[in-house]
Amino acid sequence: MPLFRLDTKFPELFPDPLQTNGQNPACFGGDLSPERLFNAYRLGYFPWFTEGEPILWWHPDPRFVLFPEKLKVSKSMRPYFNQKKFTLRYDTRFRDVMNECRETYRPGQWGSWITEDLIEGYVELHEMGIAHSVEVYENDELVGGLYGLALGKVFFGESMFHLRPNASKFAFISLVRKLGDEGFRVIDCQQETAHLRSLGGEAIPRETFIDLIGMIEEEETVRGKWTV
């Protein structure tokens, strides 16, 4: 299948995902404006590339997701909630969460796809009430968190970090519980990791994922900052 080149003048134009290769990048080029990012996620695309290289857009098959009702909380995590070892906040330090995700070292990865342009695009989406951060604090110190986009009843997770053991798990579990209470259908985790599988994540066919996000068009996207 071809690698599609995006037109810089039309941020709303993406190819039919089913015409792309689910094992490799689907598109390249374009920009990281909030308009393009919004249209990308609405169709299930997300950017992932190495800084200094062309922007690459992915639409993997299979897709790794988590359904809120299938969340798994291990016994070792329960004391973090029962004893309130961390404090949780939403949308108070969005840019800082992105910067921490950018600086987090991941084995086998050199550099980060979280470029300054990407940060600015997401910050604008955050200011529009579409992108959100989950923040974990220990004695008022930011020690973990994650960020992503909420469109309709789908949350598109992007990246997470931790500076204390289990801080990112605490953020993710808290988010999934919140989204489940609010009727969200699915959390897009993009690609499989052992960390996410241990929490209940699973791989589904891309066609199934497209059906799940297709309902976004008929749903209200509630904009604005989240609160605990």
Protein backbone atom coordinates (compact mmCIF):
# COMPACT_ATOMS: atom_id res chain seq x y z
CA MET A 1 0.00 0.00 0.00
CA PRO A 2 1.22 3.55 -0.69
CA LEU A 3 2.56 6.05 1.82
CA PHE A 4 0.30 9.08 1.42
CA ARG A 5 1.64 12.61 1.41
CA LEU A 6 -0.53 15.16 3.22
CA ASP A 7 -1.37 18.52 1.68
CA THR A 8 -0.12 21.38 3.85
CA LYS A 9 -3.03 23.61 2.79
CA PHE A 10 -5.86 21.29 3.81
CA PRO A 11 -5.53 20.09 7.42
CA GLU A 12 -8.85 18.22 7.21
CA LEU A 13 -7.73 15.86 4.43
CA PHE A 14 -6.53 12.38 5.40
CA PRO A 15 -6.80 9.20 3.35
CA ASP A 16 -9.27 6.43 4.09
CA PRO A 17 -7.52 4.49 6.89
CA LEU A 18 -8.41 1.17 5.29
CA GLN A 19 -6.36 2.18 2.26
CA THR A 20 -3.22 2.44 4.41
CA ASN A 21 -0.78 -0.15 5.67
CA GLY A 22 -1.52 -0.89 9.31
CA GLN A 23 2.03 -2.11 9.95
CA ASN A 24 3.89 0.98 8.73
CA PRO A 25 3.36 4.75 8.66
CA ALA A 26 0.18 5.67 6.81
CA CYS A 27 1.02 9.26 5.83
CA PHE A 28 3.79 11.81 6.01
CA GLY A 29 4.06 15.58 5.92
CA GLY A 30 1.52 18.20 6.80
CA ASP A 31 1.96 20.08 10.04
CA LEU A 32 1.15 19.83 13.76
CA SER A 33 -1.46 22.56 13.94
CA PRO A 34 -4.39 22.01 16.31
CA GLU A 35 -6.71 21.80 13.29
CA ARG A 36 -4.75 18.95 11.74
CA LEU A 37 -4.31 17.14 15.05
CA PHE A 38 -8.05 17.36 15.69
CA ASN A 39 -8.91 15.95 12.27
CA ALA A 40 -6.26 13.24 12.60
CA TYR A 41 -7.57 11.89 15.89
CA ARG A 42 -11.17 12.10 14.74
CA LEU A 43 -10.24 9.52 12.09
CA GLY A 44 -7.92 7.51 14.33
CA TYR A 45 -4.56 8.82 13.09
CA PHE A 46 -1.80 9.97 15.42
CA PRO A 47 1.70 11.46 14.85
CA TRP A 48 4.78 9.49 15.82
CA PHE A 49 8.20 10.29 14.45
CA THR A 50 11.75 11.11 15.46
CA GLU A 51 12.65 14.74 15.97
CA GLY A 52 14.40 16.12 12.89
CA GLU A 53 12.66 13.71 10.51
CA PRO A 54 9.46 14.22 8.46
CA ILE A 55 6.19 14.05 10.38
CA LEU A 56 4.78 10.53 10.21
CA TRP A 57 1.15 9.62 10.85
CA TRP A 58 0.11 6.14 11.97
CA HIS A 59 -3.09 4.09 11.95
CA PRO A 60 -1.98 0.66 13.24
CA ASP A 61 -3.68 -2.66 12.74
CA PRO A 62 -4.39 -4.18 15.22
CA ARG A 63 -5.13 -1.30 17.58
CA PHE A 64 -4.40 -1.52 21.28
CA VAL A 65 -7.24 -0.23 23.44
CA LEU A 66 -8.73 -0.53 26.90
CA PHE A 67 -12.44 -0.78 27.61
CA PRO A 68 -13.19 0.89 30.98
CA GLU A 69 -15.21 -2.07 32.25
CA LYS A 70 -12.20 -4.35 31.70
CA LEU A 71 -9.76 -2.34 33.81
CA LYS A 72 -7.55 -4.51 36.03
CA VAL A 73 -6.24 -3.12 39.32
CA SER A 74 -3.60 -5.30 40.94
CA LYS A 75 -3.53 -5.91 44.69
CA SER A 76 -0.24 -4.02 44.88
CA MET A 77 -1.93 -0.87 43.55
CA ARG A 78 -4.88 -0.86 45.93
CA PRO A 79 -2.99 0.67 48.89
CA TYR A 80 -2.12 3.68 46.72
CA PHE A 81 -5.82 4.47 46.55
CA ASN A 82 -6.96 3.22 49.95
CA GLN A 83 -4.16 5.05 51.78
CA LYS A 84 -4.23 8.07 49.44
CA LYS A 85 -0.49 7.93 48.82
CA PHE A 86 -0.82 10.36 45.89
CA THR A 87 -2.95 13.40 45.14
CA LEU A 88 -4.71 13.62 41.79
CA ARG A 89 -5.43 16.71 39.69
CA TYR A 90 -6.58 17.37 36.16
CA ASP A 91 -5.66 20.09 33.68
CA THR A 92 -3.60 22.30 35.97
CA ARG A 93 -0.14 21.76 34.42
CA PHE A 94 -0.74 20.44 30.94
CA ARG A 95 2.46 21.79 29.38
CA ASP A 96 4.55 20.49 32.28
CA VAL A 97 3.10 17.00 31.83
CA MET A 98 4.01 17.06 28.15
CA ASN A 99 7.52 18.25 28.95
CA GLU A 100 7.97 15.48 31.51
CA CYS A 101 6.77 12.90 28.98
CA ARG A 102 9.26 14.32 26.52
CA GLU A 103 12.15 14.01 28.97
CA THR A 104 11.30 10.50 30.15
CA TYR A 105 13.89 7.96 29.03
CA ARG A 106 12.48 4.86 27.36
CA PRO A 107 14.78 1.86 26.70
CA GLY A 108 15.79 1.60 23.07
CA GLN A 109 14.51 5.08 22.20
CA TRP A 110 16.80 7.93 21.26
CA GLY A 111 15.27 11.36 21.48
CA SER A 112 11.54 12.01 21.52
CA TRP A 113 8.70 12.50 19.07
CA ILE A 114 7.33 15.18 21.41
CA THR A 115 8.78 18.19 19.61
CA GLU A 116 8.22 21.84 20.45
CA ASP A 117 5.79 22.13 17.53
CA LEU A 118 3.86 19.14 18.82
CA ILE A 119 3.71 20.62 22.32
CA GLU A 120 2.39 23.91 20.97
CA GLY A 121 -0.28 22.12 18.93
CA TYR A 122 -1.49 20.11 21.91
CA VAL A 123 -1.38 23.11 24.23
CA GLU A 124 -3.72 24.91 21.84
CA LEU A 125 -6.04 21.88 21.89
CA HIS A 126 -5.86 21.99 25.68
CA GLU A 127 -6.84 25.65 25.66
CA MET A 128 -9.78 24.67 23.41
CA GLY A 129 -10.86 22.18 26.09
CA ILE A 130 -10.14 19.08 23.99
CA ALA A 131 -6.74 17.90 25.26
CA HIS A 132 -6.39 16.99 28.93
CA SER A 133 -3.73 16.12 31.47
CA VAL A 134 -3.90 13.81 34.45
CA GLU A 135 -1.44 14.82 37.16
CA VAL A 136 -0.18 12.88 40.17
CA TYR A 137 1.40 14.71 43.10
CA GLU A 138 3.37 13.68 46.14
CA ASN A 139 3.55 16.51 48.68
CA ASP A 140 2.68 19.00 45.92
CA GLU A 141 5.49 17.69 43.68
CA LEU A 142 4.45 16.51 40.20
CA VAL A 143 5.63 12.89 40.12
CA GLY A 144 3.57 11.31 37.34
CA GLY A 145 0.89 11.84 34.78
CA LEU A 146 -0.38 11.46 31.26
CA TYR A 147 -2.13 13.43 28.54
CA GLY A 148 -4.45 12.84 25.60
CA LEU A 149 -7.57 13.98 23.77
CA ALA A 150 -11.24 13.44 24.56
CA LEU A 151 -13.52 13.39 21.50
CA GLY A 152 -17.10 12.32 22.00
CA LYS A 153 -16.96 9.27 24.25
CA VAL A 154 -13.46 8.19 23.20
CA PHE A 155 -10.23 9.12 24.96
CA PHE A 156 -7.08 9.04 22.85
CA GLY A 157 -4.14 8.48 25.17
CA GLU A 158 -0.79 9.88 24.08
CA SER A 159 2.00 9.49 26.60
CA MET A 160 2.67 9.08 30.31
CA PHE A 161 5.56 9.46 32.73
CA HIS A 162 6.48 8.69 36.31
CA LEU A 163 9.11 9.98 38.72
CA ARG A 164 7.94 7.70 41.54
CA PRO A 165 7.09 3.99 41.31
CA ASN A 166 3.51 3.38 40.11
CA ALA A 167 2.72 7.08 39.69
CA SER A 168 1.79 6.64 36.02
CA LYS A 169 -0.34 3.58 36.88
CA PHE A 170 -2.11 5.68 39.50
CA ALA A 171 -2.82 8.34 36.86
CA PHE A 172 -4.08 5.82 34.32
CA ILE A 173 -6.31 3.88 36.71
CA SER A 174 -7.81 7.12 38.02
CA LEU A 175 -8.49 8.29 34.47
CA VAL A 176 -10.10 5.03 33.38
CA ARG A 177 -12.41 5.06 36.41
CA LYS A 178 -13.41 8.65 35.67
CA LEU A 179 -14.08 7.90 32.01
CA GLY A 180 -16.06 4.79 32.86
CA ASP A 181 -18.28 6.81 35.20
CA GLU A 182 -18.86 9.31 32.39
CA GLY A 183 -19.87 6.70 29.83
CA PHE A 184 -16.76 6.63 27.67
CA ARG A 185 -16.65 3.59 25.39
CA VAL A 186 -12.95 3.05 24.96
CA ILE A 187 -9.47 4.42 25.67
CA ASP A 188 -7.12 4.32 22.68
CA CYS A 189 -3.69 3.15 23.84
CA GLN A 190 -2.35 3.08 20.25
CA GLN A 191 0.22 0.32 20.55
CA GLU A 192 0.74 -2.57 22.94
CA THR A 193 3.00 -2.43 25.98
CA ALA A 194 3.28 -4.91 28.83
CA HIS A 195 2.41 -2.06 31.21
CA LEU A 196 -0.93 -1.40 29.50
CA ARG A 197 -1.76 -5.07 28.98
CA SER A 198 -1.35 -5.64 32.73
CA LEU A 199 -4.03 -2.99 33.26
CA GLY A 200 -6.51 -4.69 30.95
CA GLY A 201 -5.52 -3.40 27.53
CA GLU A 202 -6.17 -5.58 24.49
CA ALA A 203 -5.57 -5.60 20.75
CA ILE A 204 -8.60 -5.31 18.46
CA PRO A 205 -8.89 -5.30 14.64
CA ARG A 206 -8.58 -1.88 13.05
CA GLU A 207 -12.04 -2.23 11.49
CA THR A 208 -13.53 -2.64 14.97
CA PHE A 209 -11.64 0.43 16.21
CA ILE A 210 -12.89 2.50 13.26
CA ASP A 211 -16.46 1.51 14.15
CA LEU A 212 -15.88 2.54 17.78
CA ILE A 213 -14.61 6.00 16.89
CA GLY A 214 -17.11 6.47 14.06
CA MET A 215 -19.78 7.35 16.61
CA ILE A 216 -17.80 10.47 17.60
CA GLU A 217 -19.44 12.37 14.75
CA GLU A 218 -22.85 11.99 16.40
CA GLU A 219 -21.70 12.68 19.96
CA GLU A 220 -21.12 15.87 21.86
CA THR A 221 -17.51 16.61 22.75
CA VAL A 222 -17.67 18.27 26.15
CA ARG A 223 -15.04 21.01 26.14
CA GLY A 224 -13.42 22.64 29.12
CA LYS A 225 -11.05 21.82 31.94
CA TRP A 226 -11.62 18.72 34.00
CA THR A 227 -11.76 18.72 37.77
CA VAL A 228 -11.35 15.99 40.38
